[in-house]
Amino acid sequence: MKKDDTETIGNENEIKRWTAKRKSAVVLEIIKGLTTSAEVSRKHGLTVSEVEKWVEIFMKGGQEHLRSRPRDLQELHEVEKKELYAKIGELTLEKDILKKVHRILGKDIPEGIS
């Protein structure tokens, strides 16, 4: 690892901040099958979900740049926001249905659903 790839504190193996360059190098190693998210997580004290999120972001970015007419960042955020609102609506509907079913059956509504 080059010194300019990350900022360090104390010893050189302790990474203070992951740069985009370093994250992308790790993601490429995972994609090529040279390592796994679990191995990277264990080696650098990261969570597996954090490393997998890097892979997801990398893949979305790459896919977007390969489009014949890439969308701008604002449009991407709007699409993501629309998907998230749809998911919220879906979950709210499921919750409402669950509450109605419990009322019809005369059962108590479980904690956390109110």
PDB file of N, CA and C in Angstrom:
ATOM      1  N   MET A   1       0.837  -1.173   0.000  1.00  0.00           N
ATOM      2  CA  MET A   1       0.000   0.000   0.000  1.00  0.00           C
ATOM      3  C   MET A   1       0.880   1.233   0.000  1.00  0.00           C
ATOM      4  N   LYS A   2       0.577   2.152  -0.896  1.00  0.00           N
ATOM      5  CA  LYS A   2       1.334   3.388  -0.959  1.00  0.00           C
ATOM      6  C   LYS A   2       0.933   4.294   0.192  1.00  0.00           C
ATOM      7  N   LYS A   3       1.848   5.130   0.623  1.00  0.00           N
ATOM      8  CA  LYS A   3       1.597   6.041   1.731  1.00  0.00           C
ATOM      9  C   LYS A   3       0.441   6.999   1.436  1.00  0.00           C
ATOM     10  N   ASP A   4       0.259   7.421   0.162  1.00  0.00           N
ATOM     11  CA  ASP A   4      -0.783   8.385  -0.165  1.00  0.00           C
ATOM     12  C   ASP A   4      -2.170   7.761  -0.325  1.00  0.00           C
ATOM     13  N   ASP A   5      -2.282   6.431  -0.243  1.00  0.00           N
ATOM     14  CA  ASP A   5      -3.572   5.776  -0.379  1.00  0.00           C
ATOM     15  C   ASP A   5      -4.455   5.971   0.849  1.00  0.00           C
ATOM     16  N   THR A   6      -3.857   6.117   2.011  1.00  0.00           N
ATOM     17  CA  THR A   6      -4.624   6.283   3.245  1.00  0.00           C
ATOM     18  C   THR A   6      -3.899   7.227   4.169  1.00  0.00           C
ATOM     19  N   GLU A   7      -4.644   7.761   5.099  1.00  0.00           N
ATOM     20  CA  GLU A   7      -4.021   8.542   6.150  1.00  0.00           C
ATOM     21  C   GLU A   7      -3.828   7.596   7.331  1.00  0.00           C
ATOM     22  N   THR A   8      -2.714   7.699   8.025  1.00  0.00           N
ATOM     23  CA  THR A   8      -2.457   6.791   9.139  1.00  0.00           C
ATOM     24  C   THR A   8      -2.192   7.559  10.423  1.00  0.00           C
ATOM     25  N   ILE A   9      -2.402   6.846  11.519  1.00  0.00           N
ATOM     26  CA  ILE A   9      -2.058   7.361  12.847  1.00  0.00           C
ATOM     27  C   ILE A   9      -1.131   6.311  13.453  1.00  0.00           C
ATOM     28  N   GLY A  10      -0.138   6.726  14.158  1.00  0.00           N
ATOM     29  CA  GLY A  10       0.735   5.763  14.827  1.00  0.00           C
ATOM     30  C   GLY A  10       1.420   4.861  13.833  1.00  0.00           C
ATOM     31  N   ASN A  11       1.219   3.527  13.996  1.00  0.00           N
ATOM     32  CA  ASN A  11       1.901   2.610  13.089  1.00  0.00           C
ATOM     33  C   ASN A  11       1.243   2.622  11.710  1.00  0.00           C
ATOM     34  N   GLU A  12       1.963   2.191  10.708  1.00  0.00           N
ATOM     35  CA  GLU A  12       1.510   2.296   9.323  1.00  0.00           C
ATOM     36  C   GLU A  12       0.353   1.388   8.975  1.00  0.00           C
ATOM     37  N   ASN A  13       0.096   0.312   9.764  1.00  0.00           N
ATOM     38  CA  ASN A  13      -0.989  -0.613   9.458  1.00  0.00           C
ATOM     39  C   ASN A  13      -2.337  -0.125   9.966  1.00  0.00           C
ATOM     40  N   GLU A  14      -2.348   0.884  10.810  1.00  0.00           N
ATOM     41  CA  GLU A  14      -3.590   1.405  11.374  1.00  0.00           C
ATOM     42  C   GLU A  14      -4.150   2.478  10.441  1.00  0.00           C
ATOM     43  N   ILE A  15      -5.274   2.190   9.798  1.00  0.00           N
ATOM     44  CA  ILE A  15      -5.835   3.102   8.814  1.00  0.00           C
ATOM     45  C   ILE A  15      -6.833   4.033   9.486  1.00  0.00           C
ATOM     46  N   LYS A  16      -6.594   5.330   9.356  1.00  0.00           N
ATOM     47  CA  LYS A  16      -7.469   6.333   9.947  1.00  0.00           C
ATOM     48  C   LYS A  16      -8.679   6.591   9.050  1.00  0.00           C
ATOM     49  N   ARG A  17      -8.434   6.763   7.779  1.00  0.00           N
ATOM     50  CA  ARG A  17      -9.494   7.096   6.835  1.00  0.00           C
ATOM     51  C   ARG A  17      -9.258   6.338   5.541  1.00  0.00           C
ATOM     52  N   TRP A  18     -10.296   5.681   5.064  1.00  0.00           N
ATOM     53  CA  TRP A  18     -10.181   4.958   3.811  1.00  0.00           C
ATOM     54  C   TRP A  18     -10.463   5.924   2.667  1.00  0.00           C
ATOM     55  N   THR A  19      -9.525   6.036   1.752  1.00  0.00           N
ATOM     56  CA  THR A  19      -9.745   6.886   0.579  1.00  0.00           C
ATOM     57  C   THR A  19     -10.524   6.098  -0.470  1.00  0.00           C
ATOM     58  N   ALA A  20     -11.092   6.804  -1.420  1.00  0.00           N
ATOM     59  CA  ALA A  20     -11.829   6.157  -2.503  1.00  0.00           C
ATOM     60  C   ALA A  20     -10.905   5.221  -3.290  1.00  0.00           C
ATOM     61  N   LYS A  21      -9.662   5.642  -3.445  1.00  0.00           N
ATOM     62  CA  LYS A  21      -8.687   4.828  -4.191  1.00  0.00           C
ATOM     63  C   LYS A  21      -8.438   3.493  -3.487  1.00  0.00           C
ATOM     64  N   ARG A  22      -8.277   3.538  -2.173  1.00  0.00           N
ATOM     65  CA  ARG A  22      -8.020   2.313  -1.404  1.00  0.00           C
ATOM     66  C   ARG A  22      -9.261   1.419  -1.379  1.00  0.00           C
ATOM     67  N   LYS A  23     -10.444   2.032  -1.183  1.00  0.00           N
ATOM     68  CA  LYS A  23     -11.678   1.249  -1.171  1.00  0.00           C
ATOM     69  C   LYS A  23     -11.872   0.537  -2.502  1.00  0.00           C
ATOM     70  N   SER A  24     -11.641   1.262  -3.610  1.00  0.00           N
ATOM     71  CA  SER A  24     -11.846   0.654  -4.921  1.00  0.00           C
ATOM     72  C   SER A  24     -10.849  -0.479  -5.176  1.00  0.00           C
ATOM     73  N   ALA A  25      -9.625  -0.329  -4.676  1.00  0.00           N
ATOM     74  CA  ALA A  25      -8.632  -1.408  -4.825  1.00  0.00           C
ATOM     75  C   ALA A  25      -9.094  -2.664  -4.082  1.00  0.00           C
ATOM     76  N   VAL A  26      -9.639  -2.480  -2.883  1.00  0.00           N
ATOM     77  CA  VAL A  26     -10.140  -3.615  -2.097  1.00  0.00           C
ATOM     78  C   VAL A  26     -11.342  -4.243  -2.798  1.00  0.00           C
ATOM     79  N   VAL A  27     -12.250  -3.411  -3.296  1.00  0.00           N
ATOM     80  CA  VAL A  27     -13.435  -3.918  -3.989  1.00  0.00           C
ATOM     81  C   VAL A  27     -13.031  -4.715  -5.224  1.00  0.00           C
ATOM     82  N   LEU A  28     -12.071  -4.227  -5.979  1.00  0.00           N
ATOM     83  CA  LEU A  28     -11.610  -4.965  -7.160  1.00  0.00           C
ATOM     84  C   LEU A  28     -11.017  -6.318  -6.781  1.00  0.00           C
ATOM     85  N   GLU A  29     -10.294  -6.377  -5.663  1.00  0.00           N
ATOM     86  CA  GLU A  29      -9.755  -7.655  -5.198  1.00  0.00           C
ATOM     87  C   GLU A  29     -10.889  -8.621  -4.867  1.00  0.00           C
ATOM     88  N   ILE A  30     -11.956  -8.108  -4.268  1.00  0.00           N
ATOM     89  CA  ILE A  30     -13.115  -8.951  -3.931  1.00  0.00           C
ATOM     90  C   ILE A  30     -13.788  -9.433  -5.209  1.00  0.00           C
ATOM     91  N   ILE A  31     -14.013  -8.531  -6.157  1.00  0.00           N
ATOM     92  CA  ILE A  31     -14.671  -8.887  -7.419  1.00  0.00           C
ATOM     93  C   ILE A  31     -13.856  -9.922  -8.188  1.00  0.00           C
ATOM     94  N   LYS A  32     -12.533  -9.785  -8.176  1.00  0.00           N
ATOM     95  CA  LYS A  32     -11.658 -10.734  -8.879  1.00  0.00           C
ATOM     96  C   LYS A  32     -11.543 -12.065  -8.151  1.00  0.00           C
ATOM     97  N   GLY A  33     -12.074 -12.146  -6.944  1.00  0.00           N
ATOM     98  CA  GLY A  33     -12.021 -13.389  -6.183  1.00  0.00           C
ATOM     99  C   GLY A  33     -10.705 -13.589  -5.450  1.00  0.00           C
ATOM    100  N   LEU A  34      -9.915 -12.547  -5.316  1.00  0.00           N
ATOM    101  CA  LEU A  34      -8.626 -12.652  -4.631  1.00  0.00           C
ATOM    102  C   LEU A  34      -8.789 -12.626  -3.112  1.00  0.00           C
ATOM    103  N   THR A  35      -9.904 -12.080  -2.647  1.00  0.00           N
ATOM    104  CA  THR A  35     -10.191 -12.013  -1.221  1.00  0.00           C
ATOM    105  C   THR A  35     -11.706 -11.975  -1.051  1.00  0.00           C
ATOM    106  N   THR A  36     -12.164 -11.967   0.185  1.00  0.00           N
ATOM    107  CA  THR A  36     -13.596 -11.892   0.462  1.00  0.00           C
ATOM    108  C   THR A  36     -13.871 -10.702   1.376  1.00  0.00           C
ATOM    109  N   SER A  37     -15.134 -10.328   1.452  1.00  0.00           N
ATOM    110  CA  SER A  37     -15.534  -9.244   2.350  1.00  0.00           C
ATOM    111  C   SER A  37     -15.178  -9.588   3.794  1.00  0.00           C
ATOM    112  N   ALA A  38     -15.372 -10.842   4.154  1.00  0.00           N
ATOM    113  CA  ALA A  38     -15.068 -11.275   5.523  1.00  0.00           C
ATOM    114  C   ALA A  38     -13.576 -11.152   5.825  1.00  0.00           C
ATOM    115  N   GLU A  39     -12.731 -11.540   4.874  1.00  0.00           N
ATOM    116  CA  GLU A  39     -11.284 -11.441   5.081  1.00  0.00           C
ATOM    117  C   GLU A  39     -10.840  -9.990   5.217  1.00  0.00           C
ATOM    118  N   VAL A  40     -11.371  -9.116   4.367  1.00  0.00           N
ATOM    119  CA  VAL A  40     -11.027  -7.690   4.432  1.00  0.00           C
ATOM    120  C   VAL A  40     -11.490  -7.115   5.771  1.00  0.00           C
ATOM    121  N   SER A  41     -12.695  -7.474   6.171  1.00  0.00           N
ATOM    122  CA  SER A  41     -13.247  -6.989   7.436  1.00  0.00           C
ATOM    123  C   SER A  41     -12.378  -7.398   8.614  1.00  0.00           C
ATOM    124  N   ARG A  42     -12.024  -8.657   8.629  1.00  0.00           N
ATOM    125  CA  ARG A  42     -11.200  -9.190   9.719  1.00  0.00           C
ATOM    126  C   ARG A  42      -9.821  -8.526   9.738  1.00  0.00           C
ATOM    127  N   LYS A  43      -9.223  -8.383   8.588  1.00  0.00           N
ATOM    128  CA  LYS A  43      -7.870  -7.835   8.474  1.00  0.00           C
ATOM    129  C   LYS A  43      -7.787  -6.373   8.913  1.00  0.00           C
ATOM    130  N   HIS A  44      -8.853  -5.600   8.610  1.00  0.00           N
ATOM    131  CA  HIS A  44      -8.798  -4.161   8.849  1.00  0.00           C
ATOM    132  C   HIS A  44      -9.739  -3.678   9.950  1.00  0.00           C
ATOM    133  N   GLY A  45     -10.386  -4.609  10.647  1.00  0.00           N
ATOM    134  CA  GLY A  45     -11.265  -4.215  11.745  1.00  0.00           C
ATOM    135  C   GLY A  45     -12.519  -3.486  11.276  1.00  0.00           C
ATOM    136  N   LEU A  46     -13.057  -3.891  10.134  1.00  0.00           N
ATOM    137  CA  LEU A  46     -14.275  -3.306   9.583  1.00  0.00           C
ATOM    138  C   LEU A  46     -15.415  -4.305   9.722  1.00  0.00           C
ATOM    139  N   THR A  47     -16.640  -3.854   9.521  1.00  0.00           N
ATOM    140  CA  THR A  47     -17.751  -4.802   9.505  1.00  0.00           C
ATOM    141  C   THR A  47     -17.921  -5.339   8.092  1.00  0.00           C
ATOM    142  N   VAL A  48     -18.425  -6.555   7.989  1.00  0.00           N
ATOM    143  CA  VAL A  48     -18.657  -7.163   6.679  1.00  0.00           C
ATOM    144  C   VAL A  48     -19.661  -6.311   5.894  1.00  0.00           C
ATOM    145  N   SER A  49     -20.693  -5.818   6.585  1.00  0.00           N
ATOM    146  CA  SER A  49     -21.698  -5.018   5.882  1.00  0.00           C
ATOM    147  C   SER A  49     -21.107  -3.729   5.325  1.00  0.00           C
ATOM    148  N   GLU A  50     -20.145  -3.146   6.023  1.00  0.00           N
ATOM    149  CA  GLU A  50     -19.482  -1.930   5.545  1.00  0.00           C
ATOM    150  C   GLU A  50     -18.738  -2.218   4.236  1.00  0.00           C
ATOM    151  N   VAL A  51     -17.997  -3.311   4.208  1.00  0.00           N
ATOM    152  CA  VAL A  51     -17.230  -3.680   3.009  1.00  0.00           C
ATOM    153  C   VAL A  51     -18.182  -4.045   1.870  1.00  0.00           C
ATOM    154  N   GLU A  52     -19.250  -4.767   2.182  1.00  0.00           N
ATOM    155  CA  GLU A  52     -20.212  -5.141   1.142  1.00  0.00           C
ATOM    156  C   GLU A  52     -20.926  -3.915   0.585  1.00  0.00           C
ATOM    157  N   LYS A  53     -21.118  -2.890   1.407  1.00  0.00           N
ATOM    158  CA  LYS A  53     -21.712  -1.637   0.940  1.00  0.00           C
ATOM    159  C   LYS A  53     -20.782  -0.962  -0.077  1.00  0.00           C
ATOM    160  N   TRP A  54     -19.458  -1.030   0.174  1.00  0.00           N
ATOM    161  CA  TRP A  54     -18.479  -0.484  -0.780  1.00  0.00           C
ATOM    162  C   TRP A  54     -18.644  -1.168  -2.136  1.00  0.00           C
ATOM    163  N   VAL A  55     -18.791  -2.505  -2.098  1.00  0.00           N
ATOM    164  CA  VAL A  55     -18.940  -3.277  -3.342  1.00  0.00           C
ATOM    165  C   VAL A  55     -20.216  -2.851  -4.053  1.00  0.00           C
ATOM    166  N   GLU A  56     -21.308  -2.723  -3.294  1.00  0.00           N
ATOM    167  CA  GLU A  56     -22.590  -2.325  -3.880  1.00  0.00           C
ATOM    168  C   GLU A  56     -22.501  -0.944  -4.530  1.00  0.00           C
ATOM    169  N   ILE A  57     -21.907   0.006  -3.833  1.00  0.00           N
ATOM    170  CA  ILE A  57     -21.762   1.367  -4.360  1.00  0.00           C
ATOM    171  C   ILE A  57     -20.885   1.361  -5.615  1.00  0.00           C
ATOM    172  N   PHE A  58     -19.803   0.600  -5.564  1.00  0.00           N
ATOM    173  CA  PHE A  58     -18.885   0.495  -6.701  1.00  0.00           C
ATOM    174  C   PHE A  58     -19.607  -0.058  -7.929  1.00  0.00           C
ATOM    175  N   MET A  59     -20.385  -1.114  -7.710  1.00  0.00           N
ATOM    176  CA  MET A  59     -21.091  -1.747  -8.821  1.00  0.00           C
ATOM    177  C   MET A  59     -22.157  -0.814  -9.399  1.00  0.00           C
ATOM    178  N   LYS A  60     -22.884  -0.107  -8.544  1.00  0.00           N
ATOM    179  CA  LYS A  60     -23.897   0.840  -9.031  1.00  0.00           C
ATOM    180  C   LYS A  60     -23.240   1.949  -9.840  1.00  0.00           C
ATOM    181  N   GLY A  61     -22.132   2.466  -9.348  1.00  0.00           N
ATOM    182  CA  GLY A  61     -21.424   3.533 -10.046  1.00  0.00           C
ATOM    183  C   GLY A  61     -20.903   3.080 -11.391  1.00  0.00           C
ATOM    184  N   GLY A  62     -20.321   1.900 -11.406  1.00  0.00           N
ATOM    185  CA  GLY A  62     -19.796   1.369 -12.660  1.00  0.00           C
ATOM    186  C   GLY A  62     -20.897   1.125 -13.667  1.00  0.00           C
ATOM    187  N   GLN A  63     -21.998   0.565 -13.197  1.00  0.00           N
ATOM    188  CA  GLN A  63     -23.126   0.300 -14.076  1.00  0.00           C
ATOM    189  C   GLN A  63     -23.676   1.610 -14.648  1.00  0.00           C
ATOM    190  N   GLU A  64     -23.779   2.622 -13.800  1.00  0.00           N
ATOM    191  CA  GLU A  64     -24.289   3.913 -14.248  1.00  0.00           C
ATOM    192  C   GLU A  64     -23.379   4.530 -15.311  1.00  0.00           C
ATOM    193  N   HIS A  65     -22.079   4.442 -15.129  1.00  0.00           N
ATOM    194  CA  HIS A  65     -21.144   5.046 -16.081  1.00  0.00           C
ATOM    195  C   HIS A  65     -21.086   4.293 -17.405  1.00  0.00           C
ATOM    196  N   LEU A  66     -21.556   3.051 -17.423  1.00  0.00           N
ATOM    197  CA  LEU A  66     -21.580   2.285 -18.660  1.00  0.00           C
ATOM    198  C   LEU A  66     -22.859   2.526 -19.470  1.00  0.00           C
ATOM    199  N   ARG A  67     -23.794   3.255 -18.905  1.00  0.00           N
ATOM    200  CA  ARG A  67     -25.024   3.585 -19.631  1.00  0.00           C
ATOM    201  C   ARG A  67     -24.684   4.484 -20.821  1.00  0.00           C
ATOM    202  N   SER A  68     -25.468   4.372 -21.872  1.00  0.00           N
ATOM    203  CA  SER A  68     -25.227   5.230 -23.033  1.00  0.00           C
ATOM    204  C   SER A  68     -25.543   6.688 -22.710  1.00  0.00           C
ATOM    205  N   ARG A  69     -26.488   6.906 -21.792  1.00  0.00           N
ATOM    206  CA  ARG A  69     -26.814   8.265 -21.340  1.00  0.00           C
ATOM    207  C   ARG A  69     -26.883   8.260 -19.813  1.00  0.00           C
ATOM    208  N   PRO A  70     -25.751   8.410 -19.141  1.00  0.00           N
ATOM    209  CA  PRO A  70     -25.734   8.364 -17.679  1.00  0.00           C
ATOM    210  C   PRO A  70     -26.627   9.435 -17.059  1.00  0.00           C
ATOM    211  N   ARG A  71     -27.285   9.050 -15.971  1.00  0.00           N
ATOM    212  CA  ARG A  71     -28.103  10.002 -15.235  1.00  0.00           C
ATOM    213  C   ARG A  71     -27.208  10.850 -14.350  1.00  0.00           C
ATOM    214  N   ASP A  72     -27.645  12.036 -14.033  1.00  0.00           N
ATOM    215  CA  ASP A  72     -26.848  12.865 -13.137  1.00  0.00           C
ATOM    216  C   ASP A  72     -27.104  12.439 -11.692  1.00  0.00           C
ATOM    217  N   LEU A  73     -26.284  12.920 -10.798  1.00  0.00           N
ATOM    218  CA  LEU A  73     -26.340  12.530  -9.396  1.00  0.00           C
ATOM    219  C   LEU A  73     -27.690  12.857  -8.772  1.00  0.00           C
ATOM    220  N   GLN A  74     -28.243  14.004  -9.086  1.00  0.00           N
ATOM    221  CA  GLN A  74     -29.540  14.401  -8.532  1.00  0.00           C
ATOM    222  C   GLN A  74     -30.627  13.414  -8.951  1.00  0.00           C
ATOM    223  N   GLU A  75     -30.598  13.015 -10.206  1.00  0.00           N
ATOM    224  CA  GLU A  75     -31.591  12.066 -10.695  1.00  0.00           C
ATOM    225  C   GLU A  75     -31.444  10.718  -9.999  1.00  0.00           C
ATOM    226  N   LEU A  76     -30.202  10.293  -9.770  1.00  0.00           N
ATOM    227  CA  LEU A  76     -29.969   9.038  -9.057  1.00  0.00           C
ATOM    228  C   LEU A  76     -30.544   9.095  -7.646  1.00  0.00           C
ATOM    229  N   HIS A  77     -30.354  10.237  -6.976  1.00  0.00           N
ATOM    230  CA  HIS A  77     -30.901  10.393  -5.623  1.00  0.00           C
ATOM    231  C   HIS A  77     -32.423  10.381  -5.646  1.00  0.00           C
ATOM    232  N   GLU A  78     -33.007  10.989  -6.658  1.00  0.00           N
ATOM    233  CA  GLU A  78     -34.466  11.004  -6.775  1.00  0.00           C
ATOM    234  C   GLU A  78     -35.006   9.589  -6.987  1.00  0.00           C
ATOM    235  N   VAL A  79     -34.333   8.801  -7.818  1.00  0.00           N
ATOM    236  CA  VAL A  79     -34.746   7.418  -8.061  1.00  0.00           C
ATOM    237  C   VAL A  79     -34.651   6.619  -6.761  1.00  0.00           C
ATOM    238  N   GLU A  80     -33.545   6.769  -6.056  1.00  0.00           N
ATOM    239  CA  GLU A  80     -33.364   6.052  -4.787  1.00  0.00           C
ATOM    240  C   GLU A  80     -34.419   6.489  -3.769  1.00  0.00           C
ATOM    241  N   LYS A  81     -34.694   7.789  -3.709  1.00  0.00           N
ATOM    242  CA  LYS A  81     -35.687   8.300  -2.771  1.00  0.00           C
ATOM    243  C   LYS A  81     -37.069   7.731  -3.089  1.00  0.00           C
ATOM    244  N   LYS A  82     -37.395   7.665  -4.361  1.00  0.00           N
ATOM    245  CA  LYS A  82     -38.689   7.115  -4.793  1.00  0.00           C
ATOM    246  C   LYS A  82     -38.807   5.641  -4.373  1.00  0.00           C
ATOM    247  N   GLU A  83     -37.728   4.880  -4.550  1.00  0.00           N
ATOM    248  CA  GLU A  83     -37.726   3.469  -4.145  1.00  0.00           C
ATOM    249  C   GLU A  83     -37.904   3.331  -2.635  1.00  0.00           C
ATOM    250  N   LEU A  84     -37.233   4.199  -1.876  1.00  0.00           N
ATOM    251  CA  LEU A  84     -37.342   4.148  -0.418  1.00  0.00           C
ATOM    252  C   LEU A  84     -38.741   4.525   0.062  1.00  0.00           C
ATOM    253  N   TYR A  85     -39.346   5.544  -0.552  1.00  0.00           N
ATOM    254  CA  TYR A  85     -40.718   5.916  -0.202  1.00  0.00           C
ATOM    255  C   TYR A  85     -41.681   4.774  -0.515  1.00  0.00           C
ATOM    256  N   ALA A  86     -41.467   4.093  -1.622  1.00  0.00           N
ATOM    257  CA  ALA A  86     -42.318   2.955  -1.980  1.00  0.00           C
ATOM    258  C   ALA A  86     -42.193   1.848  -0.931  1.00  0.00           C
ATOM    259  N   LYS A  87     -40.976   1.608  -0.471  1.00  0.00           N
ATOM    260  CA  LYS A  87     -40.754   0.581   0.554  1.00  0.00           C
ATOM    261  C   LYS A  87     -41.429   0.985   1.863  1.00  0.00           C
ATOM    262  N   ILE A  88     -41.335   2.275   2.226  1.00  0.00           N
ATOM    263  CA  ILE A  88     -41.998   2.762   3.440  1.00  0.00           C
ATOM    264  C   ILE A  88     -43.502   2.544   3.325  1.00  0.00           C
ATOM    265  N   GLY A  89     -44.059   2.867   2.166  1.00  0.00           N
ATOM    266  CA  GLY A  89     -45.492   2.671   1.950  1.00  0.00           C
ATOM    267  C   GLY A  89     -45.880   1.209   2.074  1.00  0.00           C
ATOM    268  N   GLU A  90     -45.070   0.337   1.502  1.00  0.00           N
ATOM    269  CA  GLU A  90     -45.323  -1.104   1.570  1.00  0.00           C
ATOM    270  C   GLU A  90     -45.308  -1.594   3.012  1.00  0.00           C
ATOM    271  N   LEU A  91     -44.302  -1.174   3.768  1.00  0.00           N
ATOM    272  CA  LEU A  91     -44.191  -1.599   5.165  1.00  0.00           C
ATOM    273  C   LEU A  91     -45.319  -1.029   6.021  1.00  0.00           C
ATOM    274  N   THR A  92     -45.731   0.204   5.746  1.00  0.00           N
ATOM    275  CA  THR A  92     -46.838   0.816   6.477  1.00  0.00           C
ATOM    276  C   THR A  92     -48.126   0.053   6.208  1.00  0.00           C
ATOM    277  N   LEU A  93     -48.360  -0.307   4.964  1.00  0.00           N
ATOM    278  CA  LEU A  93     -49.540  -1.077   4.603  1.00  0.00           C
ATOM    279  C   LEU A  93     -49.540  -2.435   5.308  1.00  0.00           C
ATOM    280  N   GLU A  94     -48.407  -3.119   5.314  1.00  0.00           N
ATOM    281  CA  GLU A  94     -48.297  -4.413   6.001  1.00  0.00           C
ATOM    282  C   GLU A  94     -48.609  -4.267   7.490  1.00  0.00           C
ATOM    283  N   LYS A  95     -48.102  -3.205   8.090  1.00  0.00           N
ATOM    284  CA  LYS A  95     -48.337  -2.942   9.512  1.00  0.00           C
ATOM    285  C   LYS A  95     -49.826  -2.714   9.770  1.00  0.00           C
ATOM    286  N   ASP A  96     -50.471  -1.900   8.922  1.00  0.00           N
ATOM    287  CA  ASP A  96     -51.897  -1.629   9.081  1.00  0.00           C
ATOM    288  C   ASP A  96     -52.728  -2.899   8.947  1.00  0.00           C
ATOM    289  N   ILE A  97     -52.383  -3.728   7.987  1.00  0.00           N
ATOM    290  CA  ILE A  97     -53.098  -5.000   7.790  1.00  0.00           C
ATOM    291  C   ILE A  97     -52.920  -5.889   9.011  1.00  0.00           C
ATOM    292  N   LEU A  98     -51.711  -5.975   9.531  1.00  0.00           N
ATOM    293  CA  LEU A  98     -51.426  -6.794  10.705  1.00  0.00           C
ATOM    294  C   LEU A  98     -52.247  -6.322  11.903  1.00  0.00           C
ATOM    295  N   LYS A  99     -52.333  -5.004  12.087  1.00  0.00           N
ATOM    296  CA  LYS A  99     -53.123  -4.451  13.194  1.00  0.00           C
ATOM    297  C   LYS A  99     -54.605  -4.788  13.034  1.00  0.00           C
ATOM    298  N   LYS A 100     -55.143  -4.689  11.811  1.00  0.00           N
ATOM    299  CA  LYS A 100     -56.550  -5.004  11.568  1.00  0.00           C
ATOM    300  C   LYS A 100     -56.838  -6.477  11.834  1.00  0.00           C
ATOM    301  N   VAL A 101     -55.958  -7.336  11.381  1.00  0.00           N
ATOM    302  CA  VAL A 101     -56.134  -8.776  11.596  1.00  0.00           C
ATOM    303  C   VAL A 101     -56.160  -9.086  13.094  1.00  0.00           C
ATOM    304  N   HIS A 102     -55.257  -8.474  13.842  1.00  0.00           N
ATOM    305  CA  HIS A 102     -55.230  -8.708  15.290  1.00  0.00           C
ATOM    306  C   HIS A 102     -56.523  -8.203  15.940  1.00  0.00           C
ATOM    307  N   ARG A 103     -57.038  -7.051  15.501  1.00  0.00           N
ATOM    308  CA  ARG A 103     -58.292  -6.519  16.044  1.00  0.00           C
ATOM    309  C   ARG A 103     -59.459  -7.445  15.721  1.00  0.00           C
ATOM    310  N   ILE A 104     -59.527  -7.916  14.475  1.00  0.00           N
ATOM    311  CA  ILE A 104     -60.617  -8.816  14.057  1.00  0.00           C
ATOM    312  C   ILE A 104     -60.578 -10.099  14.866  1.00  0.00           C
ATOM    313  N   LEU A 105     -59.386 -10.626  15.089  1.00  0.00           N
ATOM    314  CA  LEU A 105     -59.244 -11.879  15.849  1.00  0.00           C
ATOM    315  C   LEU A 105     -59.321 -11.655  17.355  1.00  0.00           C
ATOM    316  N   GLY A 106     -59.383 -10.404  17.775  1.00  0.00           N
ATOM    317  CA  GLY A 106     -59.466 -10.099  19.201  1.00  0.00           C
ATOM    318  C   GLY A 106     -58.178 -10.360  19.956  1.00  0.00           C
ATOM    319  N   LYS A 107     -57.067 -10.284  19.269  1.00  0.00           N
ATOM    320  CA  LYS A 107     -55.769 -10.517  19.905  1.00  0.00           C
ATOM    321  C   LYS A 107     -55.088  -9.195  20.185  1.00  0.00           C
ATOM    322  N   ASP A 108     -54.183  -9.220  21.160  1.00  0.00           N
ATOM    323  CA  ASP A 108     -53.385  -8.032  21.463  1.00  0.00           C
ATOM    324  C   ASP A 108     -52.403  -7.780  20.331  1.00  0.00           C
ATOM    325  N   ILE A 109     -52.189  -6.518  20.064  1.00  0.00           N
ATOM    326  CA  ILE A 109     -51.209  -6.140  19.033  1.00  0.00           C
ATOM    327  C   ILE A 109     -49.812  -6.247  19.642  1.00  0.00           C
ATOM    328  N   PRO A 110     -48.910  -6.997  19.000  1.00  0.00           N
ATOM    329  CA  PRO A 110     -47.540  -7.170  19.542  1.00  0.00           C
ATOM    330  C   PRO A 110     -46.835  -5.845  19.733  1.00  0.00           C
ATOM    331  N   GLU A 111     -45.926  -5.823  20.693  1.00  0.00           N
ATOM    332  CA  GLU A 111     -45.118  -4.611  20.948  1.00  0.00           C
ATOM    333  C   GLU A 111     -44.347  -4.224  19.696  1.00  0.00           C
ATOM    334  N   GLY A 112     -44.178  -2.929  19.524  1.00  0.00           N
ATOM    335  CA  GLY A 112     -43.393  -2.436  18.389  1.00  0.00           C
ATOM    336  C   GLY A 112     -44.201  -2.269  17.122  1.00  0.00           C
ATOM    337  N   ILE A 113     -45.472  -2.651  17.151  1.00  0.00           N
ATOM    338  CA  ILE A 113     -46.295  -2.536  15.948  1.00  0.00           C
ATOM    339  C   ILE A 113     -47.284  -1.371  16.074  1.00  0.00           C
ATOM    340  N   SER A 114     -47.463  -0.862  17.231  1.00  0.00           N
ATOM    341  CA  SER A 114     -48.487   0.197  17.444  1.00  0.00           C
ATOM    342  C   SER A 114     -48.278   1.418  16.672  1.00  0.00           C
TER     343      SER A 114
END
